[in-house]
């Protein structure tokens, strides 16, 4: 079953992006290189609760 998660910038703590993941196959936390509009640069956005 796929669940909606949010991605948070580690520098400014803004929650900028949302995506889905399969909880059965991906048990760890996701991390993507995304552009943060507040920081004006690419940062590794991590999954939050």
N, C-alpha and C. Protein backbone atom coordinates (compact mmCIF):
# COMPACT_ATOMS: atom_id res chain seq x y z
N UNK A 1 0.84 -1.18 0.00
CA UNK A 1 0.00 0.00 0.00
C UNK A 1 0.89 1.24 0.00
N UNK A 2 0.58 2.17 -0.89
CA UNK A 2 1.36 3.40 -1.02
C UNK A 2 0.81 4.47 -0.08
N UNK A 3 1.73 5.18 0.57
CA UNK A 3 1.33 6.24 1.48
C UNK A 3 2.00 7.54 1.09
N UNK A 4 1.33 8.65 1.36
CA UNK A 4 1.86 9.97 1.04
C UNK A 4 2.84 10.40 2.14
N UNK A 5 4.01 10.87 1.72
CA UNK A 5 5.02 11.36 2.65
C UNK A 5 5.40 12.78 2.24
N UNK A 6 6.00 13.54 3.16
CA UNK A 6 6.47 14.88 2.84
C UNK A 6 7.99 14.90 2.96
N UNK A 7 8.62 15.76 2.16
CA UNK A 7 10.06 15.91 2.16
C UNK A 7 10.42 17.26 2.74
N UNK A 8 11.43 17.29 3.62
CA UNK A 8 11.80 18.50 4.34
C UNK A 8 13.24 18.89 4.04
N UNK A 9 13.47 20.18 3.86
CA UNK A 9 14.82 20.71 3.65
C UNK A 9 15.55 20.72 4.98
N UNK A 10 16.79 20.19 5.04
CA UNK A 10 17.51 20.17 6.32
C UNK A 10 18.05 21.54 6.73
N UNK A 11 18.25 22.46 5.78
CA UNK A 11 18.81 23.77 6.11
C UNK A 11 17.77 24.71 6.70
N UNK A 12 16.64 24.91 5.99
CA UNK A 12 15.65 25.88 6.45
C UNK A 12 14.44 25.23 7.10
N UNK A 13 14.36 23.91 7.12
CA UNK A 13 13.28 23.13 7.77
C UNK A 13 11.91 23.33 7.11
N UNK A 14 11.87 23.80 5.87
CA UNK A 14 10.59 23.92 5.15
C UNK A 14 10.21 22.58 4.56
N UNK A 15 8.94 22.28 4.59
CA UNK A 15 8.43 21.06 3.97
C UNK A 15 7.91 21.43 2.59
N UNK A 16 8.73 21.20 1.57
CA UNK A 16 8.48 21.71 0.24
C UNK A 16 7.79 20.73 -0.69
N UNK A 17 8.07 19.46 -0.58
CA UNK A 17 7.61 18.47 -1.55
C UNK A 17 6.85 17.35 -0.87
N UNK A 18 5.96 16.73 -1.64
CA UNK A 18 5.26 15.54 -1.17
C UNK A 18 5.35 14.48 -2.27
N UNK A 19 5.41 13.23 -1.86
CA UNK A 19 5.51 12.12 -2.79
C UNK A 19 4.89 10.89 -2.13
N UNK A 20 4.87 9.77 -2.82
CA UNK A 20 4.34 8.53 -2.27
C UNK A 20 5.43 7.48 -2.24
N UNK A 21 5.27 6.53 -1.32
CA UNK A 21 6.19 5.41 -1.28
C UNK A 21 5.46 4.16 -0.81
N UNK A 22 6.00 3.01 -1.19
CA UNK A 22 5.45 1.73 -0.78
C UNK A 22 6.11 1.34 0.54
N UNK A 23 5.33 1.28 1.61
CA UNK A 23 5.88 1.00 2.94
C UNK A 23 6.39 -0.44 3.08
N UNK A 24 5.87 -1.36 2.28
CA UNK A 24 6.31 -2.75 2.39
C UNK A 24 7.69 -2.96 1.80
N UNK A 25 7.95 -2.35 0.65
CA UNK A 25 9.24 -2.58 -0.02
C UNK A 25 10.31 -1.59 0.41
N UNK A 26 9.92 -0.38 0.80
CA UNK A 26 10.88 0.65 1.22
C UNK A 26 10.64 0.97 2.68
N UNK A 27 11.42 0.36 3.55
CA UNK A 27 11.21 0.54 4.97
C UNK A 27 12.00 1.72 5.52
N UNK A 28 13.10 2.10 4.84
CA UNK A 28 13.92 3.21 5.31
C UNK A 28 13.34 4.55 4.91
N UNK A 29 14.03 5.61 5.31
CA UNK A 29 13.59 6.97 4.97
C UNK A 29 14.16 7.37 3.61
N UNK A 30 13.33 8.00 2.80
CA UNK A 30 13.75 8.44 1.48
C UNK A 30 14.52 9.75 1.56
N UNK A 31 15.40 9.96 0.58
CA UNK A 31 16.15 11.21 0.49
C UNK A 31 16.38 11.52 -0.99
N UNK A 32 16.00 12.73 -1.41
CA UNK A 32 16.15 13.17 -2.80
C UNK A 32 16.87 14.51 -2.85
N UNK A 33 17.64 14.73 -3.91
CA UNK A 33 18.21 16.05 -4.18
C UNK A 33 17.12 16.89 -4.83
N UNK A 34 16.65 17.92 -4.13
CA UNK A 34 15.59 18.78 -4.64
C UNK A 34 15.99 20.24 -4.49
N UNK A 35 15.34 21.10 -5.27
CA UNK A 35 15.60 22.53 -5.19
C UNK A 35 14.70 23.15 -4.12
N UNK A 36 15.29 23.93 -3.22
CA UNK A 36 14.55 24.61 -2.17
C UNK A 36 14.41 26.08 -2.56
N UNK A 37 13.18 26.57 -2.65
CA UNK A 37 12.94 27.96 -3.04
C UNK A 37 13.39 28.93 -1.96
N UNK A 38 13.34 28.54 -0.71
CA UNK A 38 13.76 29.42 0.37
C UNK A 38 15.27 29.58 0.41
N UNK A 39 15.99 28.46 0.28
CA UNK A 39 17.46 28.50 0.30
C UNK A 39 18.05 28.90 -1.05
N UNK A 40 17.28 28.76 -2.11
CA UNK A 40 17.71 29.06 -3.48
C UNK A 40 18.88 28.17 -3.92
N UNK A 41 18.85 26.88 -3.50
CA UNK A 41 19.88 25.94 -3.93
C UNK A 41 19.35 24.52 -3.81
N UNK A 42 20.07 23.57 -4.39
CA UNK A 42 19.71 22.17 -4.30
C UNK A 42 20.23 21.60 -2.98
N UNK A 43 19.34 20.95 -2.24
CA UNK A 43 19.71 20.34 -0.96
C UNK A 43 19.11 18.94 -0.89
N UNK A 44 19.67 18.05 -0.05
CA UNK A 44 19.10 16.70 0.09
C UNK A 44 17.86 16.75 1.00
N UNK A 45 16.68 16.68 0.40
CA UNK A 45 15.44 16.69 1.15
C UNK A 45 15.17 15.30 1.70
N UNK A 46 14.84 15.22 3.00
CA UNK A 46 14.63 13.94 3.65
C UNK A 46 13.17 13.75 4.04
N UNK A 47 12.76 12.51 4.16
CA UNK A 47 11.38 12.17 4.53
C UNK A 47 11.12 12.53 6.00
N UNK A 48 9.93 13.11 6.25
CA UNK A 48 9.52 13.43 7.61
C UNK A 48 8.26 12.67 7.95
N UNK A 49 7.89 12.70 9.22
CA UNK A 49 6.66 12.02 9.65
C UNK A 49 5.45 12.85 9.32
